[in-house]
Amino acid sequence: MISLQLKPEQQQIVESAEAFLTKASPMNLVRATANTSVGMDTHLWSEIANLGWCGVHLPEEVSGLNLDWVSLCLLQEQAGAAMSLRGEYSVTTATVEGWQISGT
């Protein structure tokens, strides 16, 4: 049988991502940003990049965090729950993974 319980470090990822997104991207800001010409919060994206979320699953030698796919999925889940990154976060992490696989 597969254990569906999160490890303590995975639970910490969930809790810290939820806290960060709640503070950095409240729903009123999400709505306001969606109606701009850019359509996303570039300041939020800068913060997320600084946290290393775009390379969470990549090895440290390419400036990734070297975490597992579950950790990446947990971050994507929290981003979806906050509706702050819509599909862009999934596309970004998938694109980065493609670059790594292709060697570019």
Foldseek 3Di string as FASTA:
>chain_A
DDDPDDDPVLVVLLVVLLVCCCVVPPPVNLVVLCPDPVRADVVVVVVCVVVQLLQQCPDCVVPHVNDHVSSNVSNVVSCVVRVRCPCPSVVSNVVVVVCVVVVD
